[in-house]
C-alpha atoms as a PDB file:
ATOM      1  CA  MET A   1      11.933  37.035  74.762  1.00  0.00           C
ATOM      2  CA  PHE A   2       9.176  34.761  75.922  1.00  0.00           C
ATOM      3  CA  LEU A   3       8.532  33.129  79.270  1.00  0.00           C
ATOM      4  CA  VAL A   4       6.698  29.838  78.890  1.00  0.00           C
ATOM      5  CA  GLU A   5       5.041  28.339  81.931  1.00  0.00           C
ATOM      6  CA  ILE A   6       3.898  24.737  81.768  1.00  0.00           C
ATOM      7  CA  ASN A   7       1.374  23.417  84.288  1.00  0.00           C
ATOM      8  CA  TYR A   8       0.878  19.652  84.223  1.00  0.00           C
ATOM      9  CA  LEU A   9      -2.600  18.404  83.359  1.00  0.00           C
ATOM     10  CA  VAL A  10      -1.853  14.748  84.075  1.00  0.00           C
ATOM     11  CA  PRO A  11      -0.456  12.741  87.010  1.00  0.00           C
ATOM     12  CA  ILE A  12       3.327  12.752  87.431  1.00  0.00           C
ATOM     13  CA  GLU A  13       3.433   9.088  86.353  1.00  0.00           C
ATOM     14  CA  VAL A  14       2.168  10.128  82.916  1.00  0.00           C
ATOM     15  CA  VAL A  15       4.597  13.057  82.827  1.00  0.00           C
ATOM     16  CA  GLU A  16       7.463  10.619  83.478  1.00  0.00           C
ATOM     17  CA  GLN A  17       6.475   8.544  80.436  1.00  0.00           C
ATOM     18  CA  HIS A  18       7.159  11.562  78.199  1.00  0.00           C
ATOM     19  CA  THR A  19      10.128  13.117  80.020  1.00  0.00           C
ATOM     20  CA  VAL A  20      12.923  11.560  77.921  1.00  0.00           C
ATOM     21  CA  PRO A  21      11.642  12.868  74.552  1.00  0.00           C
ATOM     22  CA  HIS A  22      10.775  16.231  76.148  1.00  0.00           C
ATOM     23  CA  ARG A  23      14.313  16.628  77.491  1.00  0.00           C
ATOM     24  CA  ALA A  24      15.778  15.567  74.137  1.00  0.00           C
ATOM     25  CA  TRP A  25      13.722  18.293  72.443  1.00  0.00           C
ATOM     26  CA  LEU A  26      14.923  20.820  75.034  1.00  0.00           C
ATOM     27  CA  ASP A  27      18.551  19.821  74.413  1.00  0.00           C
ATOM     28  CA  VAL A  28      18.176  20.322  70.658  1.00  0.00           C
ATOM     29  CA  GLU A  29      16.557  23.736  71.043  1.00  0.00           C
ATOM     30  CA  VAL A  30      19.110  24.871  73.627  1.00  0.00           C
ATOM     31  CA  SER A  31      21.912  23.881  71.221  1.00  0.00           C
ATOM     32  CA  ARG A  32      20.178  25.830  68.416  1.00  0.00           C
ATOM     33  CA  GLY A  33      19.985  28.922  70.635  1.00  0.00           C
ATOM     34  CA  ASN A  34      16.181  28.984  70.754  1.00  0.00           C
ATOM     35  CA  ILE A  35      15.940  28.171  74.469  1.00  0.00           C
ATOM     36  CA  LEU A  36      17.947  30.118  77.014  1.00  0.00           C
ATOM     37  CA  LEU A  37      16.756  28.401  80.189  1.00  0.00           C
ATOM     38  CA  ALA A  38      14.491  25.491  81.045  1.00  0.00           C
ATOM     39  CA  GLY A  39      13.689  23.429  84.073  1.00  0.00           C
ATOM     40  CA  PRO A  40      11.009  21.932  86.306  1.00  0.00           C
ATOM     41  CA  LYS A  41       9.102  23.888  88.918  1.00  0.00           C
ATOM     42  CA  VAL A  42       9.716  23.097  92.575  1.00  0.00           C
ATOM     43  CA  PRO A  43       7.553  21.331  93.594  1.00  0.00           C
ATOM     44  CA  ARG A  44       7.278  19.506  90.269  1.00  0.00           C
ATOM     45  CA  THR A  45       3.892  20.697  89.050  1.00  0.00           C
ATOM     46  CA  GLY A  46       5.181  21.847  85.663  1.00  0.00           C
ATOM     47  CA  GLY A  47       8.115  23.692  84.195  1.00  0.00           C
ATOM     48  CA  VAL A  48       9.464  26.984  82.905  1.00  0.00           C
ATOM     49  CA  VAL A  49      11.165  27.766  79.579  1.00  0.00           C
ATOM     50  CA  VAL A  50      12.725  31.045  78.439  1.00  0.00           C
ATOM     51  CA  LEU A  51      12.717  31.393  74.643  1.00  0.00           C
ATOM     52  CA  LEU A  52      14.752  33.748  72.477  1.00  0.00           C
ATOM     53  CA  SER A  53      12.171  33.853  69.674  1.00  0.00           C
ATOM     54  CA  LYS A  54      11.742  37.055  67.642  1.00  0.00           C
ATOM     55  CA  THR A  55       7.951  36.819  67.355  1.00  0.00           C
ATOM     56  CA  ARG A  56       5.103  35.225  69.273  1.00  0.00           C
ATOM     57  CA  ALA A  57       4.229  33.146  66.205  1.00  0.00           C
ATOM     58  CA  GLU A  58       7.782  31.794  66.157  1.00  0.00           C
ATOM     59  CA  ALA A  59       7.581  30.997  69.890  1.00  0.00           C
ATOM     60  CA  GLU A  60       4.253  29.214  69.462  1.00  0.00           C
ATOM     61  CA  LYS A  61       5.553  27.203  66.508  1.00  0.00           C
ATOM     62  CA  LEU A  62       8.542  26.088  68.568  1.00  0.00           C
ATOM     63  CA  ILE A  63       6.423  25.109  71.597  1.00  0.00           C
ATOM     64  CA  LYS A  64       4.112  23.028  69.397  1.00  0.00           C
ATOM     65  CA  GLN A  65       7.106  20.759  68.690  1.00  0.00           C
ATOM     66  CA  ASP A  66       7.563  19.902  72.390  1.00  0.00           C
ATOM     67  CA  PRO A  67       6.559  16.279  73.111  1.00  0.00           C
ATOM     68  CA  PHE A  68       4.793  17.499  76.270  1.00  0.00           C
ATOM     69  CA  TYR A  69       2.667  19.825  74.112  1.00  0.00           C
ATOM     70  CA  ILE A  70       2.055  17.175  71.449  1.00  0.00           C
ATOM     71  CA  ASN A  71       0.872  14.681  74.086  1.00  0.00           C
ATOM     72  CA  ASN A  72      -1.234  17.217  76.029  1.00  0.00           C
ATOM     73  CA  ILE A  73       0.854  16.811  79.173  1.00  0.00           C
ATOM     74  CA  GLY A  74       0.518  20.421  80.237  1.00  0.00           C
ATOM     75  CA  LYS A  75      -1.190  23.743  79.775  1.00  0.00           C
ATOM     76  CA  TYR A  76       1.183  26.300  78.232  1.00  0.00           C
ATOM     77  CA  THR A  77       1.103  29.989  79.075  1.00  0.00           C
ATOM     78  CA  ILE A  78       3.327  32.137  76.864  1.00  0.00           C
ATOM     79  CA  THR A  79       4.235  35.631  78.047  1.00  0.00           C
ATOM     80  CA  GLU A  80       6.268  38.013  75.923  1.00  0.00           C
ATOM     81  CA  PHE A  81       8.529  40.335  77.864  1.00  0.00           C
ATOM     82  CA  SER A  82      11.130  42.946  77.190  1.00  0.00           C
ATOM     83  CA  ALA A  83      14.342  42.144  79.037  1.00  0.00           C
ATOM     84  CA  THR A  84      15.514  45.649  79.880  1.00  0.00           C
ATOM     85  CA  ARG A  85      18.072  44.428  82.408  1.00  0.00           C
ATOM     86  CA  ARG A  86      20.491  41.781  81.159  1.00  0.00           C
ATOM     87  CA  ASN A  87      23.829  40.427  82.182  1.00  0.00           C
ATOM     88  CA  GLN A  88      26.629  40.205  79.607  1.00  0.00           C
ATOM     89  CA  LEU A  89      25.998  36.509  78.886  1.00  0.00           C
ATOM     90  CA  ILE A  90      22.473  37.186  77.651  1.00  0.00           C
ATOM     91  CA  GLN A  91      23.584  40.213  75.643  1.00  0.00           C
ATOM     92  CA  SER A  92      26.107  38.044  73.799  1.00  0.00           C
ATOM     93  CA  LEU A  93      23.463  35.394  73.039  1.00  0.00           C
ATOM     94  CA  GLU A  94      21.132  37.941  71.489  1.00  0.00           C
ATOM     95  CA  ALA A  95      23.802  39.508  69.254  1.00  0.00           C
END
């Protein structure tokens, strides 16, 4: 799994101009099973995405399709982690 942290590089007004296509991309990737969780930080200085990619290269390829990434809206930090504690929902998604 990969934890992706997005920190906005532009004013929130610019972020808002790209939010609709970003959310559409998120919806597609959630429906494909590539994204487990996603949402804005509180306060809204960026966002967090949890990916179910098998490799870092796969995770990076996916992130590069995000309209926020394409339009340089934020700085992306990708952290791979091993989820050693999982509830049953997550176990079923990874099967």
